[in-house]
Amino acid sequence: MTTSSRQAGAIESSARSSSELAAALFKNVSPSAALPSHPQPLSSIHPIPSSIHAPAMIVDPVEAFKATSSVAPIPTVVPSLPEYETVTETGTRALWAVFVLMLLSMIVFVGLSWTVPISKRLYHVVTTLIVTFASLSYFAMATGHGISYHRTTVTDSHRHVPDTTHDVYRQVYWARYVDWSLTTPLLLLDLALLAGLSGGHILLAIVADVIMVLTGLFAAYGTEGTPQKWGWYAIACIAYLVVIWMLAVHGRANAMAKGGKVGKFFASIAGFTLVIWTIYPIVWGVADGSRKMSVDQEIIAYAVLDLLAKPVFGAWLLFTHQSMPETQVELGGFWTHGVSSEGAIRVGEDDEGA
């Protein structure tokens, strides 16, 4: 037997064995059991993973960025509105109250001047003018006149954004400086006449006083961050030292030469005046200078000082002056009699012998 015949016989024998095995397997299986009448779902045969049954999720990209990003939102900078520092009803009432007190003081001083001869009214006239100018100044401020605004730029610091700035507008009562430029020289004139200062010393004291007041006004409008504000303030303080020198040194020496009684009175009233005047630049530095004081507080502080420096000073001077003959200053000539007939100008008359 050849090799090909043997291979063909093996294949035939293998096929016969496979047929017999298949017949043995399906011999007891009915057709209905072999093919089910109701097909089973695919999931019962091969279970579907639960992840396939989950509904589809739509993800918002913005929300996903918020959840995963570690970068905080960029802060925004809101510009600040201008700030205004103005007087309130309290400050206005204080201005009206001081105006009334100054006006009453003027009436009292006028009445006192009528009790003495005109030749001895020099102190009365000067002191009455002081409270007259002060009453006019306070009337102007109480009615809203003599006021302007000074602008200052303030820097605001922030932690996470650049610094910002905003403007602050503060009321400046320039009418007060007009008052001081008129009344403080008259106050010095009262003290100089009481002490018997020379004309040269009186002139120097008054000029230094005017410089002090005007440079204080310039300082009130000075620009922050420049030498203007505190530079003018320093000049005003130096001028005030000249005033102190004239009163404390020359004034006291002349007053003591007029007698111990006059010297003591001058030392008392001049010392009182200098103490009051020294508080003025302190209030200015806190109020207009550094702006640590509100406008109302500034008005009240200056009101108290003005009442002490003018009506109280004037009443003390006039009542003591009447009881102290050594302080009398009697003026004749033009002050008492005016222009005499010898000094009159004649118009339309021919000279004799012409």
Protein backbone atom coordinates (compact mmCIF):
# COMPACT_ATOMS: atom_id res chain seq x y z
CA MET A 1 0.00 0.00 0.00
CA THR A 2 1.31 3.32 -0.99
CA THR A 3 1.68 6.40 1.25
CA SER A 4 -1.16 8.33 -0.41
CA SER A 5 -3.53 5.41 0.11
CA ARG A 6 -2.68 5.31 3.80
CA GLN A 7 -3.35 9.12 4.22
CA ALA A 8 -6.71 8.89 2.49
CA GLY A 9 -7.75 6.06 4.79
CA ALA A 10 -6.79 8.07 7.89
CA ILE A 11 -8.84 11.07 6.77
CA GLU A 12 -11.87 8.92 6.07
CA SER A 13 -11.57 7.21 9.47
CA SER A 14 -11.34 10.64 11.22
CA ALA A 15 -14.43 11.95 9.44
CA ARG A 16 -16.39 8.82 10.39
CA SER A 17 -15.44 9.27 14.05
CA SER A 18 -16.57 12.92 14.02
CA SER A 19 -19.95 11.96 12.54
CA GLU A 20 -20.52 9.32 15.18
CA LEU A 21 -19.62 11.78 17.96
CA ALA A 22 -22.05 14.43 16.66
CA ALA A 23 -24.85 11.88 16.40
CA ALA A 24 -24.26 10.82 19.98
CA LEU A 25 -24.45 14.45 21.25
CA PHE A 26 -27.71 15.40 19.54
CA LYS A 27 -29.45 12.03 19.92
CA ASN A 28 -31.51 13.14 23.00
CA VAL A 29 -31.97 16.85 22.11
CA SER A 30 -35.33 17.91 20.66
CA PRO A 31 -35.55 20.60 18.00
CA SER A 32 -37.44 22.94 20.37
CA ALA A 33 -34.72 22.67 22.96
CA ALA A 34 -32.01 23.19 20.44
CA LEU A 35 -33.49 26.49 19.19
CA PRO A 36 -35.30 28.57 21.86
CA SER A 37 -38.63 30.13 20.82
CA HIS A 38 -37.80 33.53 22.50
CA PRO A 39 -34.35 34.82 21.82
CA GLN A 40 -32.57 35.93 24.95
CA PRO A 41 -31.09 39.39 25.14
CA LEU A 42 -27.46 39.80 24.52
CA SER A 43 -26.85 41.01 28.04
CA SER A 44 -28.03 37.71 29.53
CA ILE A 45 -25.51 35.83 27.50
CA HIS A 46 -22.63 38.28 27.81
CA PRO A 47 -23.26 40.88 30.58
CA ILE A 48 -22.55 44.49 29.50
CA PRO A 49 -20.24 46.43 31.80
CA SER A 50 -21.97 49.06 33.95
CA SER A 51 -19.83 51.84 32.46
CA ILE A 52 -21.57 51.31 29.13
CA HIS A 53 -25.03 51.80 30.73
CA ALA A 54 -24.02 55.20 32.40
CA PRO A 55 -25.58 58.26 30.69
CA ALA A 56 -23.28 60.50 28.72
CA MET A 57 -22.01 63.66 30.65
CA ILE A 58 -21.54 67.05 28.96
CA VAL A 59 -18.76 69.01 30.70
CA ASP A 60 -18.70 72.86 30.66
CA PRO A 61 -15.15 73.97 29.77
CA VAL A 62 -15.41 77.08 31.99
CA GLU A 63 -16.49 75.02 35.00
CA ALA A 64 -13.76 72.52 34.33
CA PHE A 65 -11.22 75.37 34.23
CA LYS A 66 -12.49 76.77 37.51
CA ALA A 67 -12.27 73.38 39.19
CA THR A 68 -8.79 72.59 38.00
CA SER A 69 -7.13 76.01 37.75
CA SER A 70 -5.16 77.37 40.72
CA VAL A 71 -5.03 80.94 39.37
CA ALA A 72 -7.24 83.41 41.31
CA PRO A 73 -9.41 85.92 39.44
CA ILE A 74 -7.65 89.17 38.53
CA PRO A 75 -8.82 91.91 40.97
CA THR A 76 -10.23 95.11 39.57
CA VAL A 77 -9.39 98.67 40.69
CA VAL A 78 -12.34 101.00 41.15
CA PRO A 79 -11.38 104.71 40.93
CA SER A 80 -12.05 106.62 44.15
CA LEU A 81 -14.34 109.64 44.12
CA PRO A 82 -13.07 113.02 45.34
CA GLU A 83 -13.36 113.63 49.07
CA TYR A 84 -14.61 116.94 50.44
CA GLU A 85 -13.78 118.27 53.91
CA THR A 86 -16.35 120.98 54.57
CA VAL A 87 -18.03 122.75 57.44
CA THR A 88 -21.16 121.27 58.97
CA GLU A 89 -23.98 122.82 60.94
CA THR A 90 -21.88 122.69 64.12
CA GLY A 91 -19.13 124.81 62.60
CA THR A 92 -21.61 127.29 61.12
CA ARG A 93 -23.27 127.78 64.49
CA ALA A 94 -19.89 128.42 66.07
CA LEU A 95 -19.15 131.10 63.47
CA TRP A 96 -22.46 132.84 64.12
CA ALA A 97 -21.91 132.68 67.88
CA VAL A 98 -18.49 134.31 67.62
CA PHE A 99 -19.87 136.98 65.30
CA VAL A 100 -22.49 137.91 67.90
CA LEU A 101 -19.90 138.01 70.70
CA MET A 102 -17.55 140.18 68.62
CA LEU A 103 -20.42 142.52 67.78
CA LEU A 104 -21.42 142.84 71.44
CA SER A 105 -17.79 143.51 72.37
CA MET A 106 -17.63 146.27 69.80
CA ILE A 107 -20.73 147.91 71.27
CA VAL A 108 -19.29 147.70 74.80
CA PHE A 109 -15.95 149.18 73.73
CA VAL A 110 -17.67 152.03 71.89
CA GLY A 111 -19.63 152.78 75.05
CA LEU A 112 -16.43 152.82 77.11
CA SER A 113 -14.78 155.24 74.68
CA TRP A 114 -17.58 157.77 75.22
CA THR A 115 -16.69 157.95 78.92
CA VAL A 116 -13.23 159.46 78.30
CA PRO A 117 -12.11 162.61 76.47
CA ILE A 118 -11.18 162.21 72.82
CA SER A 119 -7.57 163.02 73.62
CA LYS A 120 -7.39 159.85 75.74
CA ARG A 121 -9.30 157.50 73.43
CA LEU A 122 -6.36 156.01 71.56
CA TYR A 123 -6.56 152.63 73.29
CA HIS A 124 -10.34 152.60 72.94
CA VAL A 125 -10.27 153.36 69.22
CA VAL A 126 -7.60 150.77 68.45
CA THR A 127 -9.29 148.08 70.55
CA THR A 128 -12.72 148.82 69.05
CA LEU A 129 -11.29 148.49 65.54
CA ILE A 130 -9.89 145.07 66.47
CA VAL A 131 -13.28 143.58 67.36
CA THR A 132 -14.94 145.45 64.47
CA PHE A 133 -12.71 143.78 61.88
CA ALA A 134 -13.14 140.44 63.65
CA SER A 135 -16.94 140.70 63.61
CA LEU A 136 -16.91 141.48 59.88
CA SER A 137 -14.65 138.50 59.24
CA TYR A 138 -16.86 136.11 61.19
CA PHE A 139 -19.98 137.42 59.48
CA ALA A 140 -18.36 136.69 56.12
CA MET A 141 -17.38 133.16 57.14
CA ALA A 142 -20.76 132.42 58.72
CA THR A 143 -22.59 133.45 55.54
CA GLY A 144 -20.32 131.38 53.28
CA HIS A 145 -18.02 134.13 52.02
CA GLY A 146 -14.25 134.26 52.27
CA ILE A 147 -13.95 130.51 51.63
CA SER A 148 -12.17 128.51 48.93
CA TYR A 149 -11.06 124.90 48.42
CA HIS A 150 -7.53 123.55 48.48
CA ARG A 151 -6.95 120.30 46.58
CA THR A 152 -4.56 117.64 47.85
CA THR A 153 -3.82 114.30 46.15
CA VAL A 154 -3.71 111.32 48.53
CA THR A 155 -2.14 107.94 47.62
CA ASP A 156 -4.05 104.76 48.57
CA SER A 157 -1.92 101.62 48.99
CA HIS A 158 -3.22 98.14 48.02
CA ARG A 159 -1.76 94.66 48.51
CA HIS A 160 -2.42 92.94 45.20
CA VAL A 161 -3.00 95.82 42.79
CA PRO A 162 -1.08 99.01 42.00
CA ASP A 163 -1.53 102.01 44.29
CA THR A 164 -4.28 104.47 43.43
CA THR A 165 -4.82 108.15 44.22
CA HIS A 166 -7.80 110.32 45.02
CA ASP A 167 -8.27 114.05 45.51
CA VAL A 168 -9.21 115.66 48.82
CA TYR A 169 -10.75 119.13 48.75
CA ARG A 170 -10.63 121.02 52.05
CA GLN A 171 -12.22 124.37 52.81
CA VAL A 172 -9.78 127.18 53.58
CA TYR A 173 -11.19 130.29 55.25
CA TRP A 174 -9.01 132.99 53.71
CA ALA A 175 -11.23 135.64 55.36
CA ARG A 176 -9.60 134.59 58.63
CA TYR A 177 -6.18 135.60 57.30
CA VAL A 178 -7.55 138.98 56.17
CA ASP A 179 -8.85 139.44 59.72
CA TRP A 180 -5.48 138.56 61.24
CA SER A 181 -3.57 140.85 58.87
CA LEU A 182 -5.64 143.78 60.18
CA THR A 183 -6.24 142.91 63.83
CA THR A 184 -2.88 141.52 64.95
CA PRO A 185 -0.95 144.71 64.01
CA LEU A 186 -3.52 146.68 66.04
CA LEU A 187 -3.03 144.31 68.97
CA LEU A 188 0.71 144.88 68.74
CA LEU A 189 0.11 148.63 68.60
CA ASP A 190 -1.86 148.45 71.85
CA LEU A 191 0.97 146.57 73.56
CA ALA A 192 3.64 148.83 72.06
CA LEU A 193 1.86 151.97 73.30
CA LEU A 194 1.44 150.41 76.72
CA ALA A 195 5.15 149.60 76.94
CA GLY A 196 6.30 152.85 75.34
CA LEU A 197 8.21 151.22 72.47
CA SER A 198 10.08 153.43 70.04
CA GLY A 199 8.73 154.02 66.55
CA GLY A 200 11.45 151.89 64.99
CA HIS A 201 10.66 148.89 67.19
CA ILE A 202 6.94 149.29 66.58
CA LEU A 203 7.49 149.30 62.82
CA LEU A 204 9.66 146.18 62.93
CA ALA A 205 7.16 144.32 65.11
CA ILE A 206 4.22 145.18 62.83
CA VAL A 207 6.10 144.26 59.63
CA ALA A 208 7.17 140.92 61.12
CA ASP A 209 3.59 140.29 62.18
CA VAL A 210 2.22 140.96 58.67
CA ILE A 211 4.86 138.65 57.18
CA MET A 212 3.82 135.98 59.68
CA VAL A 213 0.15 136.18 58.66
CA LEU A 214 0.73 136.32 54.90
CA THR A 215 3.18 133.43 54.86
CA GLY A 216 0.67 131.44 56.89
CA LEU A 217 -1.87 132.08 54.13
CA PHE A 218 0.63 130.95 51.48
CA ALA A 219 1.31 127.80 53.49
CA ALA A 220 -2.42 127.01 53.65
CA TYR A 221 -2.47 126.79 49.84
CA GLY A 222 0.91 125.07 49.53
CA THR A 223 1.26 121.91 47.45
CA GLU A 224 1.94 118.65 49.27
CA GLY A 225 5.31 117.05 48.62
CA THR A 226 6.96 120.40 47.88
CA PRO A 227 8.71 122.97 50.10
CA GLN A 228 5.73 125.30 49.72
CA LYS A 229 3.54 124.30 52.65
CA TRP A 230 6.08 123.73 55.41
CA GLY A 231 8.59 126.17 53.94
CA TRP A 232 6.15 129.06 54.26
CA TYR A 233 5.16 127.74 57.68
CA ALA A 234 8.80 127.87 58.82
CA ILE A 235 9.14 131.46 57.56
CA ALA A 236 5.98 132.41 59.49
CA CYS A 237 7.42 130.92 62.67
CA ILE A 238 10.68 132.87 62.21
CA ALA A 239 8.71 136.10 61.78
CA TYR A 240 6.80 135.28 64.96
CA LEU A 241 10.08 134.95 66.83
CA VAL A 242 10.86 138.55 65.82
CA VAL A 243 7.54 139.65 67.32
CA ILE A 244 8.33 137.79 70.54
CA TRP A 245 11.75 139.44 70.69
CA MET A 246 10.29 142.92 70.33
CA LEU A 247 7.72 142.40 73.07
CA ALA A 248 9.64 140.23 75.51
CA VAL A 249 12.92 142.13 75.38
CA HIS A 250 12.39 145.72 74.26
CA GLY A 251 8.77 145.99 75.35
CA ARG A 252 9.36 144.66 78.85
CA ALA A 253 12.42 146.87 79.36
CA ASN A 254 10.51 150.00 78.35
CA ALA A 255 7.50 149.06 80.48
CA MET A 256 9.63 148.52 83.57
CA ALA A 257 11.18 151.93 83.00
CA LYS A 258 7.70 153.47 83.33
CA GLY A 259 7.26 152.00 86.80
CA GLY A 260 6.82 148.68 88.51
CA LYS A 261 3.04 148.79 88.27
CA VAL A 262 3.06 149.33 84.51
CA GLY A 263 5.83 146.76 84.09
CA LYS A 264 3.86 144.06 85.91
CA PHE A 265 0.69 144.81 83.98
CA PHE A 266 2.55 144.74 80.67
CA ALA A 267 4.27 141.46 81.57
CA SER A 268 0.90 139.91 82.43
CA ILE A 269 -1.08 141.03 79.38
CA ALA A 270 1.83 140.59 76.94
CA GLY A 271 2.58 137.13 78.33
CA PHE A 272 -1.11 136.21 77.99
CA THR A 273 -1.09 137.41 74.38
CA LEU A 274 2.07 135.53 73.45
CA VAL A 275 0.76 132.29 74.96
CA ILE A 276 -2.45 132.61 72.93
CA TRP A 277 -0.55 133.49 69.77
CA THR A 278 1.76 130.49 70.23
CA ILE A 279 -1.23 128.15 70.14
CA TYR A 280 -2.28 129.49 66.72
CA PRO A 281 0.58 127.87 64.74
CA ILE A 282 0.04 124.63 66.65
CA VAL A 283 -3.61 124.54 65.60
CA TRP A 284 -2.58 125.42 62.04
CA GLY A 285 -0.10 122.53 61.92
CA VAL A 286 -2.75 120.03 63.05
CA ALA A 287 -5.60 121.47 60.94
CA ASP A 288 -4.44 123.03 57.65
CA GLY A 289 -0.96 121.53 57.81
CA SER A 290 -1.40 117.80 58.45
CA ARG A 291 -5.22 117.79 58.19
CA LYS A 292 -5.63 115.73 61.34
CA MET A 293 -8.43 118.03 62.49
CA SER A 294 -11.82 118.42 60.85
CA VAL A 295 -13.04 121.76 59.54
CA ASP A 296 -15.51 122.07 62.41
CA GLN A 297 -12.82 121.38 64.99
CA GLU A 298 -10.57 123.94 63.31
CA ILE A 299 -13.32 126.57 63.44
CA ILE A 300 -14.02 125.94 67.12
CA ALA A 301 -10.32 126.02 68.04
CA TYR A 302 -9.72 129.32 66.25
CA ALA A 303 -12.96 130.73 67.66
CA VAL A 304 -11.82 130.14 71.24
CA LEU A 305 -8.41 131.67 70.51
CA ASP A 306 -9.92 134.70 68.77
CA LEU A 307 -12.27 135.36 71.67
CA LEU A 308 -9.38 135.24 74.13
CA ALA A 309 -7.02 137.30 71.96
CA LYS A 310 -9.51 140.06 71.08
CA PRO A 311 -12.56 140.69 73.33
CA VAL A 312 -10.95 139.32 76.50
CA PHE A 313 -7.67 141.09 75.77
CA GLY A 314 -9.49 144.33 74.92
CA ALA A 315 -11.66 144.32 78.04
CA TRP A 316 -8.65 143.59 80.25
CA LEU A 317 -6.65 146.41 78.65
CA LEU A 318 -9.38 149.07 78.72
CA PHE A 319 -10.60 148.47 82.25
CA THR A 320 -7.06 148.34 83.66
CA HIS A 321 -6.05 151.37 81.62
CA GLN A 322 -8.81 153.48 83.19
CA SER A 323 -7.59 152.66 86.70
CA MET A 324 -3.89 153.16 85.95
CA PRO A 325 -2.97 156.78 85.12
CA GLU A 326 0.60 155.77 84.26
CA THR A 327 -0.66 154.09 81.10
CA GLN A 328 -2.44 157.16 79.75
CA VAL A 329 -1.55 158.27 76.24
CA GLU A 330 -2.94 161.74 75.60
CA LEU A 331 -2.93 163.09 72.07
CA GLY A 332 -3.61 166.63 71.02
CA GLY A 333 -3.22 168.46 67.75
CA PHE A 334 -4.79 166.82 64.74
CA TRP A 335 -6.08 163.81 66.76
CA THR A 336 -8.09 166.08 69.04
CA HIS A 337 -8.68 169.30 67.13
CA GLY A 338 -8.30 168.35 63.48
CA VAL A 339 -6.76 170.74 60.96
CA SER A 340 -6.42 174.22 62.51
CA SER A 341 -7.23 177.42 60.70
CA GLU A 342 -3.53 178.11 60.26
CA GLY A 343 -3.16 175.03 58.12
CA ALA A 344 -6.19 175.69 55.92
CA ILE A 345 -5.72 176.40 52.24
CA ARG A 346 -7.39 179.58 51.07
CA VAL A 347 -8.65 179.64 47.53
CA GLY A 348 -9.79 182.72 45.63
CA GLU A 349 -8.26 185.38 47.92
CA ASP A 350 -5.60 187.74 46.68
CA ASP A 351 -2.56 188.29 48.84
CA GLU A 352 -2.14 191.81 50.14
CA GLY A 353 0.43 193.84 48.31
CA ALA A 354 0.26 191.66 45.23
